[in-house]
Protein backbone atom coordinates (compact mmCIF):
# COMPACT_ATOMS: atom_id res chain seq x y z
CA MET A 1 70.03 -59.69 53.50
CA GLN A 2 67.23 -62.24 53.15
CA LYS A 3 64.72 -61.61 50.38
CA GLU A 4 61.02 -61.30 51.04
CA PRO A 5 58.93 -64.37 50.20
CA ALA A 6 57.59 -64.52 46.65
CA VAL A 7 53.83 -64.19 47.08
CA SER A 8 53.42 -64.57 43.33
CA ALA A 9 54.48 -68.20 43.58
CA ASP A 10 50.83 -69.22 43.34
CA GLN A 11 49.92 -66.50 45.86
CA MET A 12 50.31 -69.06 48.65
CA LEU A 13 51.55 -66.89 51.49
CA ALA A 14 48.12 -66.04 52.90
CA PHE A 15 46.84 -69.56 52.27
CA GLU A 16 49.65 -71.22 54.19
CA THR A 17 49.29 -68.96 57.25
CA ASP A 18 45.51 -69.44 57.57
CA CYS A 19 45.16 -65.68 57.76
CA HIS A 20 41.54 -64.46 57.63
CA LEU A 21 39.53 -61.37 58.41
CA PHE A 22 38.94 -60.95 62.18
CA SER A 23 41.65 -63.55 62.95
CA GLY A 24 44.06 -60.90 64.25
CA CYS A 25 46.45 -60.87 61.30
CA GLY A 26 46.82 -58.20 58.66
CA PHE A 27 46.06 -58.47 54.98
CA GLU A 28 49.12 -59.56 52.98
CA ALA A 29 48.74 -57.40 49.89
CA PRO A 30 50.74 -58.27 46.77
CA GLY A 31 53.57 -55.90 45.92
CA LEU A 32 56.94 -55.78 44.24
CA HIS A 33 57.98 -58.80 46.29
CA SER A 34 55.39 -60.73 44.26
CA PHE A 35 57.80 -60.55 41.32
CA VAL A 36 60.88 -61.80 43.18
CA PHE A 37 61.62 -65.51 42.87
CA GLU A 38 64.31 -67.53 44.56
CA PRO A 39 66.38 -69.86 42.31
CA MET A 40 64.88 -73.34 42.09
CA PHE A 41 68.12 -74.96 40.92
CA SER A 42 71.38 -74.12 39.16
CA ILE A 43 73.15 -75.57 36.13
CA GLY A 44 76.69 -74.55 35.37
CA GLY A 45 76.48 -71.61 37.73
CA PHE A 46 73.31 -70.30 36.07
CA ASP A 47 70.29 -70.02 38.35
CA PHE A 48 66.86 -71.10 37.15
CA ASN A 49 63.83 -69.56 38.79
CA LYS A 50 60.14 -69.79 37.97
CA PRO A 51 59.97 -67.09 35.21
CA ILE A 52 62.99 -68.58 33.43
CA LEU A 53 61.50 -72.07 33.53
CA LEU A 54 58.15 -70.80 32.27
CA ALA A 55 59.90 -69.00 29.40
CA LEU A 56 61.80 -72.17 28.46
CA VAL A 57 58.75 -74.41 28.68
CA GLY A 58 56.68 -71.90 26.71
CA THR A 59 59.30 -71.69 23.98
CA LEU A 60 59.51 -75.47 23.70
CA ALA A 61 55.71 -75.70 23.58
CA ILE A 62 55.55 -73.21 20.69
CA VAL A 63 58.27 -75.03 18.75
CA TRP A 64 56.58 -78.38 19.35
CA PHE A 65 53.16 -77.04 18.29
CA PHE A 66 54.29 -75.68 14.93
CA TRP A 67 56.58 -78.64 14.30
CA ALA A 68 53.75 -81.08 14.96
CA ALA A 69 51.38 -79.02 12.81
CA PHE A 70 53.62 -78.53 9.78
CA ALA A 71 56.17 -81.38 9.84
CA LYS A 72 53.93 -83.43 7.56
CA PRO A 73 51.38 -80.99 6.11
CA LYS A 74 48.31 -82.40 4.42
CA ILE A 75 46.09 -81.00 1.68
CA VAL A 76 43.11 -81.66 3.93
CA PRO A 77 44.52 -80.43 7.26
CA GLY A 78 43.88 -82.09 10.59
CA LYS A 79 42.77 -80.13 13.64
CA LEU A 80 46.29 -79.18 14.75
CA GLN A 81 47.37 -78.08 11.30
CA MET A 82 44.12 -76.15 10.85
CA ILE A 83 44.63 -74.22 14.09
CA ALA A 84 48.27 -73.48 13.25
CA GLU A 85 47.37 -72.33 9.73
CA ALA A 86 44.62 -70.09 11.08
CA GLY A 87 47.00 -68.43 13.53
CA TYR A 88 49.77 -68.08 10.96
CA ASP A 89 47.42 -66.70 8.32
CA PHE A 90 45.85 -64.23 10.74
CA ILE A 91 49.23 -62.64 11.51
CA ARG A 92 50.38 -62.82 7.89
CA ARG A 93 47.29 -61.21 6.35
CA GLY A 94 45.90 -59.19 9.26
CA VAL A 95 49.16 -57.69 10.49
CA VAL A 96 52.10 -58.08 8.10
CA TYR A 97 50.30 -57.62 4.77
CA GLU A 98 48.12 -54.81 6.13
CA THR A 99 51.09 -52.89 7.55
CA ILE A 100 54.08 -53.67 5.33
CA GLY A 101 52.39 -54.96 2.18
CA LYS A 102 52.28 -58.40 0.60
CA LYS A 103 55.34 -58.06 -1.63
CA GLU A 104 57.69 -56.51 0.92
CA GLY A 105 56.22 -58.16 3.99
CA GLU A 106 56.29 -61.84 3.02
CA LYS A 107 59.90 -62.34 4.10
CA TYR A 108 59.14 -60.97 7.58
CA VAL A 109 56.10 -63.18 8.25
CA PRO A 110 58.01 -65.97 10.10
CA PHE A 111 59.70 -63.42 12.37
CA VAL A 112 56.46 -61.63 13.22
CA VAL A 113 54.51 -64.88 13.72
CA ALA A 114 57.19 -66.22 16.08
CA LEU A 115 57.20 -62.93 17.98
CA PHE A 116 53.40 -62.90 18.34
CA PHE A 117 53.09 -66.44 19.64
CA PHE A 118 56.03 -66.04 22.01
CA VAL A 119 54.57 -62.88 23.57
CA TRP A 120 51.10 -64.41 23.73
CA VAL A 121 52.25 -67.63 25.43
CA MET A 122 54.42 -65.68 27.90
CA ASN A 123 51.32 -63.61 28.74
CA LEU A 124 49.11 -66.69 28.90
CA TRP A 125 51.08 -68.23 31.76
CA ALA A 126 49.27 -65.76 34.05
CA VAL A 127 46.03 -67.76 33.92
CA ILE A 128 47.40 -71.30 33.69
CA PRO A 129 47.06 -73.26 36.97
CA LEU A 130 50.30 -73.84 38.91
CA ALA A 131 52.10 -71.29 36.73
CA GLN A 132 49.92 -68.24 37.42
CA PHE A 133 52.57 -65.73 36.45
CA PRO A 134 52.98 -63.70 33.23
CA VAL A 135 56.62 -63.89 32.20
CA THR A 136 56.30 -60.54 30.40
CA SER A 137 55.63 -58.84 33.75
CA ILE A 138 59.41 -59.11 34.28
CA PHE A 139 60.64 -56.01 32.46
CA SER A 140 63.79 -57.62 31.06
CA ILE A 141 61.68 -59.93 28.84
CA PRO A 142 59.71 -57.23 26.96
CA LEU A 143 62.85 -55.10 26.84
CA GLY A 144 64.85 -57.94 25.29
CA LEU A 145 62.17 -58.50 22.66
CA ALA A 146 61.98 -54.76 21.95
CA LEU A 147 65.77 -54.61 21.51
CA ILE A 148 65.63 -57.47 18.99
CA VAL A 149 63.02 -55.52 17.01
CA TYR A 150 65.12 -52.37 17.40
CA ILE A 151 68.23 -54.06 15.97
CA VAL A 152 66.22 -55.43 13.03
CA TRP A 153 64.68 -52.02 12.37
CA VAL A 154 67.94 -50.04 12.56
CA GLY A 155 69.87 -52.59 10.50
CA LEU A 156 67.15 -52.74 7.86
CA THR A 157 66.96 -48.95 7.66
CA PHE A 158 70.69 -48.63 6.94
CA LYS A 159 70.59 -51.54 4.49
CA ARG A 160 67.63 -50.21 2.52
CA GLN A 161 68.27 -46.46 2.63
CA GLY A 162 72.01 -46.12 3.02
CA TRP A 163 73.89 -44.03 5.54
CA THR A 164 72.47 -40.62 4.59
CA GLY A 165 68.94 -41.82 3.97
CA ALA A 166 68.85 -43.71 7.26
CA TRP A 167 69.81 -40.67 9.30
CA LYS A 168 67.20 -38.62 7.48
CA ASN A 169 64.68 -41.28 8.39
CA PHE A 170 65.75 -41.35 12.05
CA THR A 171 65.71 -37.56 12.41
CA GLY A 172 62.66 -36.72 10.28
CA TYR A 173 64.70 -34.49 7.99
CA ASP A 174 62.44 -32.35 5.80
CA LYS A 175 63.60 -29.05 4.29
CA SER A 176 60.04 -27.75 4.09
CA LEU A 177 59.96 -27.43 7.88
CA GLY A 178 62.15 -24.37 7.64
CA PRO A 179 63.43 -22.83 10.90
CA VAL A 180 61.85 -25.49 13.12
CA LEU A 181 63.78 -28.28 11.36
CA PRO A 182 66.67 -28.44 13.90
CA MET A 183 64.24 -28.76 16.80
CA VAL A 184 62.21 -31.44 14.98
CA MET A 185 65.38 -33.39 14.14
CA VAL A 186 66.50 -33.42 17.80
CA ILE A 187 63.05 -34.55 18.99
CA GLU A 188 62.81 -37.26 16.31
CA PHE A 189 66.33 -38.47 17.02
CA PHE A 190 65.62 -39.00 20.72
CA SER A 191 62.16 -40.39 20.02
CA ASN A 192 63.29 -42.94 17.44
CA LEU A 193 66.74 -44.04 18.53
CA LEU A 194 66.61 -43.66 22.31
CA VAL A 195 63.00 -43.72 23.51
CA ARG A 196 61.45 -46.20 21.05
CA PRO A 197 62.78 -49.44 22.62
CA PHE A 198 61.56 -48.27 26.02
CA THR A 199 58.05 -47.34 24.89
CA HIS A 200 57.77 -50.52 22.83
CA SER A 201 58.61 -52.68 25.84
CA VAL A 202 56.96 -50.74 28.66
CA ARG A 203 53.52 -50.93 27.03
CA LEU A 204 53.57 -54.73 27.21
CA PHE A 205 55.27 -54.85 30.61
CA ALA A 206 52.93 -52.35 32.30
CA ASN A 207 49.78 -54.13 31.16
CA MET A 208 50.98 -57.56 32.28
CA PHE A 209 52.39 -56.22 35.55
CA SER A 210 49.21 -54.39 36.54
CA GLY A 211 46.98 -57.26 35.41
CA HIS A 212 48.88 -59.76 37.54
CA MET A 213 48.72 -57.44 40.55
CA LEU A 214 44.94 -57.12 40.24
CA VAL A 215 44.36 -60.87 39.86
CA ALA A 216 46.66 -61.56 42.82
CA LEU A 217 44.93 -58.89 44.92
CA PHE A 218 41.43 -60.29 44.39
CA THR A 219 42.64 -63.89 44.78
CA ILE A 220 44.27 -63.24 48.15
CA ALA A 221 41.36 -61.04 49.26
CA THR A 222 38.92 -63.87 48.49
CA TRP A 223 40.74 -66.16 50.92
CA TYR A 224 41.41 -63.45 53.51
CA MET A 225 37.74 -62.45 53.86
CA LEU A 226 36.47 -66.04 53.98
CA ASN A 227 35.50 -65.81 57.63
CA GLY A 228 32.28 -64.93 59.43
CA ILE A 229 30.35 -62.03 57.92
CA GLY A 230 33.28 -61.47 55.58
CA ILE A 231 32.05 -64.39 53.46
CA ALA A 232 29.76 -62.03 51.53
CA TYR A 233 32.74 -59.82 50.68
CA SER A 234 34.75 -62.91 49.82
CA ALA A 235 32.06 -63.95 47.30
CA VAL A 236 32.24 -60.53 45.63
CA SER A 237 36.03 -60.73 45.54
CA PHE A 238 35.81 -64.20 44.01
CA ILE A 239 33.51 -62.92 41.27
CA MET A 240 35.97 -60.08 40.60
CA THR A 241 38.78 -62.63 40.36
CA ILE A 242 36.89 -64.50 37.63
CA VAL A 243 36.09 -61.24 35.84
CA MET A 244 39.73 -60.11 35.99
CA ILE A 245 40.97 -63.47 34.68
CA ALA A 246 38.54 -63.26 31.76
CA PHE A 247 39.66 -59.69 31.11
CA GLU A 248 43.30 -60.78 31.27
CA LEU A 249 42.68 -63.42 28.59
CA PHE A 250 41.50 -60.61 26.31
CA ILE A 251 44.35 -58.25 27.22
CA GLN A 252 46.97 -60.97 26.68
CA VAL A 253 45.99 -61.39 23.04
CA ILE A 254 45.61 -57.65 22.47
CA GLN A 255 49.05 -56.89 23.88
CA ALA A 256 50.70 -59.55 21.73
CA TYR A 257 48.86 -58.13 18.72
CA VAL A 258 49.87 -54.54 19.51
CA PHE A 259 53.49 -55.57 20.02
CA VAL A 260 53.78 -57.17 16.57
CA LEU A 261 51.70 -54.42 14.96
CA LEU A 262 54.23 -51.84 16.17
CA THR A 263 57.03 -54.13 15.01
CA CYS A 264 55.58 -54.19 11.49
CA SER A 265 55.09 -50.43 11.61
CA TYR A 266 58.79 -49.96 12.41
CA ILE A 267 59.83 -52.33 9.61
CA GLN A 268 57.54 -50.55 7.17
CA GLY A 269 59.13 -47.23 8.17
CA ALA A 270 62.56 -48.67 7.40
CA LEU A 271 61.51 -49.72 3.91
CA VAL A 272 60.25 -46.34 2.75
CA LYS A 273 62.36 -43.26 2.17
CA GLU A 274 59.79 -40.85 3.55
CA HIS A 275 59.83 -40.71 7.35
């Protein structure tokens, strides 16, 4: 069965068909098909589509940025090193130190910094011309990142607290709860070990998914209503497109921040014996 065309590929479907208000054609609203991309090419039997390429290019860009900034650090930093240091120090002091603590958290700074910038750049693709698609709106990406955090958290919990202590941590074991303890342990078990990766990933995914849908909706509507008396509505839709893009820039940073903040919270919970 042939797949529907990927409107999200620069939202070009309506543009290519010259479809406008009062022209006799219907409005092509974005939907789930906006997140389906045909393979662009294959290497060794592995298909590469637009989200995969954006993820690879984004990863290489992050590696290049920090390599260029810190390969030959200077006492008086240049502009690139200054920007990289500011970003690194913001995550280190504002997230890791504040959540985990300076002594315990220092070793996790590189991991959290890498995670923050990866999520942020994957989000940022949504507003970059020609790309115009947030990679994190594909659920497998946030889920994969959440599973990495989950493995780190579970492994660290067993390493730091031992077998018995880890299970007490996972289940919220506390004798003072009395008769409600079994119920609390069941709820905490499902919440921590089964639901946590889903909630950690779906928060990022849902925000990027809905944001992309709104930007695509107003973008296509701007073109669709650009005809006759619909021009006035098109102007309003265009203004809303700009507003939504500006709002997305804010949300992209916030979601990356929230993702690593929760990551640090999980790590901190693994380091302490009290649940």
